[in-house]
C-alpha atoms as a PDB file:
ATOM      1  CA  MET A   1      25.517 -14.302  -0.828  1.00  0.00           C
ATOM      2  CA  VAL A   2      21.730 -14.049  -0.695  1.00  0.00           C
ATOM      3  CA  LYS A   3      20.013 -16.479   1.637  1.00  0.00           C
ATOM      4  CA  ARG A   4      17.062 -18.182  -0.054  1.00  0.00           C
ATOM      5  CA  GLN A   5      13.966 -19.358   1.709  1.00  0.00           C
ATOM      6  CA  ALA A   6      12.694 -22.896   1.435  1.00  0.00           C
ATOM      7  CA  TYR A   7      10.140 -23.466  -1.299  1.00  0.00           C
ATOM      8  CA  GLN A   8       6.623 -22.947  -0.005  1.00  0.00           C
ATOM      9  CA  PRO A   9       3.738 -24.070  -2.197  1.00  0.00           C
ATOM     10  CA  ILE A  10       0.879 -21.694  -2.922  1.00  0.00           C
ATOM     11  CA  LEU A  11      -2.139 -22.443  -0.750  1.00  0.00           C
ATOM     12  CA  ILE A  12      -5.538 -23.056  -2.324  1.00  0.00           C
ATOM     13  CA  THR A  13      -6.934 -20.274  -0.138  1.00  0.00           C
ATOM     14  CA  ASP A  14      -4.682 -17.862  -2.057  1.00  0.00           C
ATOM     15  CA  ALA A  15      -6.140 -18.950  -5.394  1.00  0.00           C
ATOM     16  CA  ALA A  16      -8.241 -16.442  -7.306  1.00  0.00           C
ATOM     17  CA  ARG A  17     -11.938 -17.052  -7.826  1.00  0.00           C
ATOM     18  CA  SER A  18     -12.881 -18.555 -11.168  1.00  0.00           C
ATOM     19  CA  GLN A  19     -14.106 -16.325 -13.981  1.00  0.00           C
ATOM     20  CA  ASP A  20     -17.581 -17.866 -13.762  1.00  0.00           C
ATOM     21  CA  ASP A  21     -17.821 -17.170 -10.023  1.00  0.00           C
ATOM     22  CA  GLN A  22     -16.720 -13.576 -10.537  1.00  0.00           C
ATOM     23  CA  LEU A  23     -19.229 -13.058 -13.337  1.00  0.00           C
ATOM     24  CA  THR A  24     -22.072 -14.576 -11.309  1.00  0.00           C
ATOM     25  CA  SER A  25     -21.236 -12.373  -8.329  1.00  0.00           C
ATOM     26  CA  ARG A  26     -21.174  -9.234 -10.478  1.00  0.00           C
ATOM     27  CA  GLN A  27     -24.472 -10.175 -12.153  1.00  0.00           C
ATOM     28  CA  ARG A  28     -26.175 -10.691  -8.781  1.00  0.00           C
ATOM     29  CA  ARG A  29     -24.876  -7.347  -7.514  1.00  0.00           C
ATOM     30  CA  TYR A  30     -26.149  -5.627 -10.684  1.00  0.00           C
ATOM     31  CA  VAL A  31     -29.616  -7.199 -10.427  1.00  0.00           C
ATOM     32  CA  LEU A  32     -29.836  -6.279  -6.728  1.00  0.00           C
ATOM     33  CA  MET A  33     -28.939  -2.652  -7.449  1.00  0.00           C
ATOM     34  CA  MET A  34     -31.433  -2.453 -10.302  1.00  0.00           C
ATOM     35  CA  GLY A  35     -34.065  -3.846  -7.929  1.00  0.00           C
ATOM     36  CA  ILE A  36     -33.296  -1.026  -5.507  1.00  0.00           C
ATOM     37  CA  ARG A  37     -33.678   1.428  -8.389  1.00  0.00           C
ATOM     38  CA  VAL A  38     -37.097   0.009  -9.233  1.00  0.00           C
ATOM     39  CA  ALA A  39     -38.045   0.335  -5.550  1.00  0.00           C
ATOM     40  CA  CYS A  40     -37.014   4.026  -5.689  1.00  0.00           C
ATOM     41  CA  ILE A  41     -39.206   4.565  -8.758  1.00  0.00           C
ATOM     42  CA  VAL A  42     -42.206   2.824  -7.144  1.00  0.00           C
ATOM     43  CA  ALA A  43     -41.701   4.666  -3.850  1.00  0.00           C
ATOM     44  CA  GLY A  44     -41.517   7.996  -5.695  1.00  0.00           C
ATOM     45  CA  ALA A  45     -44.737   7.240  -7.585  1.00  0.00           C
ATOM     46  CA  ILE A  46     -46.523   6.212  -4.372  1.00  0.00           C
ATOM     47  CA  LEU A  47     -45.325   9.343  -2.552  1.00  0.00           C
ATOM     48  CA  VAL A  48     -46.539  11.613  -5.372  1.00  0.00           C
ATOM     49  CA  GLY A  49     -49.874   9.777  -5.612  1.00  0.00           C
ATOM     50  CA  ALA A  50     -50.477   9.892  -1.867  1.00  0.00           C
ATOM     51  CA  GLN A  51     -49.236  13.492  -1.587  1.00  0.00           C
ATOM     52  CA  ALA A  52     -47.108  12.484   1.377  1.00  0.00           C
ATOM     53  CA  PRO A  53     -45.862  15.039   3.879  1.00  0.00           C
ATOM     54  CA  MET A  54     -42.312  16.277   3.298  1.00  0.00           C
ATOM     55  CA  LEU A  55     -42.589  15.385  -0.394  1.00  0.00           C
ATOM     56  CA  TRP A  56     -39.938  18.065  -1.062  1.00  0.00           C
ATOM     57  CA  LEU A  57     -37.437  15.829   0.803  1.00  0.00           C
ATOM     58  CA  TRP A  58     -38.461  12.322  -0.252  1.00  0.00           C
ATOM     59  CA  LEU A  59     -38.923  12.941  -3.963  1.00  0.00           C
ATOM     60  CA  PRO A  60     -35.367  14.277  -4.574  1.00  0.00           C
ATOM     61  CA  LEU A  61     -33.971  11.341  -2.563  1.00  0.00           C
ATOM     62  CA  CYS A  62     -35.879   8.886  -4.767  1.00  0.00           C
ATOM     63  CA  ALA A  63     -34.753  10.758  -7.904  1.00  0.00           C
ATOM     64  CA  LEU A  64     -31.161  10.698  -6.684  1.00  0.00           C
ATOM     65  CA  GLY A  65     -31.434   6.926  -6.194  1.00  0.00           C
ATOM     66  CA  MET A  66     -32.941   6.523  -9.671  1.00  0.00           C
ATOM     67  CA  VAL A  67     -30.033   8.451 -11.247  1.00  0.00           C
ATOM     68  CA  LEU A  68     -27.023   7.313  -9.200  1.00  0.00           C
ATOM     69  CA  ILE A  69     -27.816   3.619  -8.730  1.00  0.00           C
ATOM     70  CA  PRO A  70     -27.635   2.653 -12.448  1.00  0.00           C
ATOM     71  CA  TRP A  71     -24.296   4.442 -12.776  1.00  0.00           C
ATOM     72  CA  LEU A  72     -22.914   2.685  -9.682  1.00  0.00           C
ATOM     73  CA  ALA A  73     -24.359  -0.656 -10.801  1.00  0.00           C
ATOM     74  CA  VAL A  74     -22.522  -0.492 -14.129  1.00  0.00           C
ATOM     75  CA  LEU A  75     -19.267   0.511 -12.432  1.00  0.00           C
ATOM     76  CA  LEU A  76     -19.496  -2.340  -9.922  1.00  0.00           C
ATOM     77  CA  ALA A  77     -20.620  -4.878 -12.533  1.00  0.00           C
ATOM     78  CA  ASN A  78     -17.542  -4.112 -14.636  1.00  0.00           C
ATOM     79  CA  ASP A  79     -15.200  -4.131 -11.641  1.00  0.00           C
ATOM     80  CA  ARG A  80     -12.808  -7.062 -11.441  1.00  0.00           C
ATOM     81  CA  PRO A  81     -10.454  -8.136  -8.682  1.00  0.00           C
ATOM     82  CA  PRO A  82      -6.844  -6.966  -8.970  1.00  0.00           C
ATOM     83  CA  LYS A  83      -4.513  -9.027 -11.118  1.00  0.00           C
ATOM     84  CA  ASP A  84      -2.190 -11.542  -9.488  1.00  0.00           C
ATOM     85  CA  GLU A  85       0.922  -9.373  -9.679  1.00  0.00           C
ATOM     86  CA  HIS A  86      -0.851  -6.737  -7.592  1.00  0.00           C
ATOM     87  CA  ARG A  87      -2.044  -9.308  -5.044  1.00  0.00           C
ATOM     88  CA  LEU A  88       1.422 -10.791  -4.705  1.00  0.00           C
ATOM     89  CA  ALA A  89       3.013  -7.363  -4.489  1.00  0.00           C
ATOM     90  CA  ASN A  90       0.797  -6.547  -1.516  1.00  0.00           C
ATOM     91  CA  LYS A  91       1.464  -9.925   0.080  1.00  0.00           C
ATOM     92  CA  PHE A  92       5.243  -9.555  -0.042  1.00  0.00           C
ATOM     93  CA  HIS A  93       5.222  -5.834   0.662  1.00  0.00           C
ATOM     94  CA  HIS A  94       6.001  -6.326   4.347  1.00  0.00           C
ATOM     95  CA  GLN A  95       8.986  -8.612   3.792  1.00  0.00           C
ATOM     96  CA  GLN A  96      12.447  -7.227   4.205  1.00  0.00           C
ATOM     97  CA  ARG A  97      14.106  -6.111   1.003  1.00  0.00           C
ATOM     98  CA  ASP A  98      16.995  -8.594   1.235  1.00  0.00           C
ATOM     99  CA  GLU A  99      14.616 -11.568   1.426  1.00  0.00           C
ATOM    100  CA  THR A 100      13.520 -13.135  -1.826  1.00  0.00           C
ATOM    101  CA  PRO A 101       9.965 -14.384  -2.292  1.00  0.00           C
ATOM    102  CA  PRO A 102       9.567 -18.174  -2.104  1.00  0.00           C
ATOM    103  CA  MET A 103       8.685 -18.474  -5.795  1.00  0.00           C
ATOM    104  CA  SER A 104      12.081 -17.063  -6.844  1.00  0.00           C
ATOM    105  CA  ILE A 105      13.709 -20.477  -6.472  1.00  0.00           C
ATOM    106  CA  THR A 106      14.497 -21.947  -9.862  1.00  0.00           C
ATOM    107  CA  ALA A 107      12.773 -25.105 -11.042  1.00  0.00           C
ATOM    108  CA  GLU A 108      15.963 -27.125 -10.599  1.00  0.00           C
ATOM    109  CA  GLU A 109      16.231 -26.128  -6.925  1.00  0.00           C
ATOM    110  CA  ARG A 110      12.623 -26.995  -6.050  1.00  0.00           C
ATOM    111  CA  PRO A 111      11.949 -30.414  -4.543  1.00  0.00           C
ATOM    112  CA  HIS A 112      10.127 -32.623  -6.998  1.00  0.00           C
ATOM    113  CA  ARG A 113       8.832 -36.151  -7.363  1.00  0.00           C
ATOM    114  CA  VAL A 114       9.444 -38.355 -10.331  1.00  0.00           C
ATOM    115  CA  ILE A 115       6.499 -40.546 -11.282  1.00  0.00           C
ATOM    116  CA  ASP A 116       7.541 -43.570 -13.263  1.00  0.00           C
ATOM    117  CA  ALA A 117       4.870 -45.304 -15.316  1.00  0.00           C
ATOM    118  CA  ASP A 118       6.944 -48.480 -15.734  1.00  0.00           C
ATOM    119  CA  LEU A 119       6.313 -49.798 -12.215  1.00  0.00           C
END
C-alpha cells in the first residue's frame, strides 16, 4: 500500500509571473540591449573621428557589439520561463520515488469547505 502525504496547498510564491509582467520584463531587457548597441555605434564613430590610439582593438570590439547584441536581444526577448510541468518536475526531482507528490490526492480525499448561501 502506498502511503500518501497530506494535502499541501500551492504557495503564492510558487505561482508563475503573469503574462503582462513577463512581456514587460522582456521589453525592458530588449530596449536596454538596443541602448547598449547604440552606445557601441556612437563610441565607434567617436573613436574613428578622434583617431584614438589602439583603434585596431576598439573598433572591432564596437563592431562585435553592434552585430552580436541585436541577435542576443531578440533571443532573450523571445525567451519565456519554463512551463509548469518542467518547474514541478524539478521541484519533486529530489523526492524519493515511492513518495507521491501532494497534488496526487484525488478531489474527494482533499479537505474542503462547504459554503452554504442559505444561512
